[in-house]
Amino acid sequence: MLNQDTTPETPTGAIVHITKNDVFYGIPTGTAIIVGDYDGAGEPMTLAWFWALGPITPGRTAVAVFAENIEPQPAQTLLTLPEGDFRAIREGVRDAIAQDPTLAEELEPLTRAVQDAAAQRD
């Protein structure tokens, strides 16, 4: 279940680097965007979407990660991302909701962050 209480270092919409997890080998590593906090595995986790790997697909491109595997990237934001990456994120969120309207509520904070950034980028 998604919980919207993200940390100040990794708010919804933050661009982060996910590092290798020595226990859960199936979790991708690399650049991702924070979708929100996730209550799971008895520990606080954060849901991250690896937009370069494709559309939002729970368990594949959108995975829950532990805080120790998240490295904030303060120099990279929705405002400073290259246009192609920003477009992929914006369209990915829109397409995920179009394909599964039940995701609209869970993705609302990310949708809002992307819309706010789009307005500032124009």
Protein backbone atom coordinates (compact mmCIF):
# COMPACT_ATOMS: atom_id res chain seq x y z
CA MET A 1 0.00 0.00 0.00
CA LEU A 2 1.32 3.42 -0.94
CA ASN A 3 1.82 5.93 1.83
CA GLN A 4 2.41 9.55 0.82
CA ASP A 5 4.66 10.53 3.76
CA THR A 6 7.93 10.79 1.84
CA THR A 7 11.13 12.02 3.44
CA PRO A 8 12.47 15.54 2.77
CA GLU A 9 15.53 14.07 1.00
CA THR A 10 13.43 11.97 -1.34
CA PRO A 11 10.02 13.59 -1.86
CA THR A 12 7.63 12.34 -4.49
CA GLY A 13 9.06 13.34 -7.86
CA ALA A 14 12.69 13.34 -6.68
CA ILE A 15 15.25 11.92 -9.08
CA VAL A 16 17.40 9.36 -7.28
CA HIS A 17 19.99 6.67 -7.87
CA ILE A 18 19.07 3.22 -6.58
CA THR A 19 22.05 1.15 -5.46
CA LYS A 20 22.48 -2.61 -5.39
CA ASN A 21 20.58 -4.49 -2.72
CA ASP A 22 22.60 -7.45 -1.44
CA VAL A 23 19.50 -9.38 -0.35
CA PHE A 24 16.95 -8.74 -3.10
CA TYR A 25 18.83 -9.32 -6.35
CA GLY A 26 15.88 -8.66 -8.66
CA ILE A 27 15.67 -4.97 -7.82
CA PRO A 28 17.09 -2.84 -10.63
CA THR A 29 19.80 -0.27 -10.00
CA GLY A 30 20.24 3.12 -11.61
CA THR A 31 18.28 6.33 -12.02
CA ALA A 32 14.66 6.35 -10.88
CA ILE A 33 11.94 8.74 -9.75
CA ILE A 34 10.27 8.53 -6.35
CA VAL A 35 6.58 7.63 -6.55
CA GLY A 36 5.97 7.64 -2.78
CA ASP A 37 6.60 5.75 0.42
CA TYR A 38 5.54 2.14 0.56
CA ASP A 39 4.53 0.17 3.64
CA GLY A 40 5.82 -3.32 3.12
CA ALA A 41 8.12 -6.02 4.42
CA GLY A 42 7.58 -4.75 7.96
CA GLU A 43 9.95 -1.84 7.25
CA PRO A 44 9.41 1.55 5.67
CA MET A 45 10.18 1.40 1.98
CA THR A 46 9.96 3.79 -0.95
CA LEU A 47 8.38 3.07 -4.31
CA ALA A 48 10.71 4.01 -7.15
CA TRP A 49 9.98 3.92 -10.88
CA PHE A 50 12.80 3.26 -13.34
CA TRP A 51 11.21 5.13 -16.24
CA ALA A 52 14.01 4.21 -18.66
CA LEU A 53 13.03 0.53 -18.26
CA GLY A 54 9.52 1.15 -19.53
CA PRO A 55 6.00 1.90 -18.40
CA ILE A 56 5.00 1.75 -14.75
CA THR A 57 4.79 -1.97 -14.07
CA PRO A 58 4.61 -2.90 -10.38
CA GLY A 59 7.37 -5.33 -9.44
CA ARG A 60 9.27 -4.78 -12.68
CA THR A 61 9.89 -1.10 -13.39
CA ALA A 62 8.23 0.25 -10.23
CA VAL A 63 9.68 -1.42 -7.15
CA ALA A 64 9.82 -0.90 -3.41
CA VAL A 65 13.32 -0.11 -2.16
CA PHE A 66 14.88 0.44 1.24
CA ALA A 67 16.13 3.88 2.26
CA GLU A 68 19.73 2.66 2.41
CA ASN A 69 19.58 1.91 -1.31
CA ILE A 70 18.45 5.43 -2.27
CA GLU A 71 20.99 8.10 -3.16
CA PRO A 72 19.35 11.51 -3.69
CA GLN A 73 20.51 13.36 -6.80
CA PRO A 74 19.93 17.01 -5.83
CA ALA A 75 21.47 18.35 -9.02
CA GLN A 76 18.92 16.46 -11.09
CA THR A 77 15.25 17.39 -10.76
CA LEU A 78 12.11 17.30 -12.85
CA LEU A 79 13.02 20.86 -13.84
CA THR A 80 16.56 20.04 -14.99
CA LEU A 81 16.02 16.65 -16.65
CA PRO A 82 16.64 16.54 -20.39
CA GLU A 83 13.41 17.08 -22.31
CA GLY A 84 13.29 13.48 -23.56
CA ASP A 85 13.48 12.07 -20.04
CA PHE A 86 10.90 14.50 -18.74
CA ARG A 87 8.56 13.65 -21.61
CA ALA A 88 9.00 9.91 -20.91
CA ILE A 89 8.04 10.44 -17.27
CA ARG A 90 5.07 12.67 -18.07
CA GLU A 91 3.75 10.28 -20.72
CA GLY A 92 4.50 7.23 -18.57
CA VAL A 93 2.39 8.52 -15.70
CA ARG A 94 -0.43 9.51 -18.04
CA ASP A 95 -0.34 6.14 -19.84
CA ALA A 96 -0.28 4.15 -16.59
CA ILE A 97 -3.45 5.89 -15.41
CA ALA A 98 -5.11 5.47 -18.82
CA GLN A 99 -4.36 1.73 -18.79
CA ASP A 100 -5.37 1.22 -15.15
CA PRO A 101 -7.58 3.99 -13.76
CA THR A 102 -7.29 2.47 -10.28
CA LEU A 103 -3.71 3.82 -10.20
CA ALA A 104 -4.91 7.44 -10.45
CA GLU A 105 -5.22 7.90 -6.68
CA GLU A 106 -1.87 6.27 -5.90
CA LEU A 107 -0.09 8.23 -8.62
CA GLU A 108 -1.81 11.54 -7.82
CA PRO A 109 1.17 13.04 -5.91
CA LEU A 110 3.55 12.10 -8.73
CA THR A 111 1.07 13.38 -11.31
CA ARG A 112 0.90 16.69 -9.43
CA ALA A 113 4.72 16.93 -9.18
CA VAL A 114 5.05 16.29 -12.92
CA GLN A 115 2.32 18.79 -13.78
CA ASP A 116 3.92 21.44 -11.55
CA ALA A 117 7.29 20.86 -13.19
CA ALA A 118 5.74 20.99 -16.67
CA ALA A 119 4.19 24.38 -15.89
CA GLN A 120 7.55 25.70 -14.68
CA ARG A 121 9.43 24.27 -17.66
CA ASP A 122 7.18 26.03 -20.20
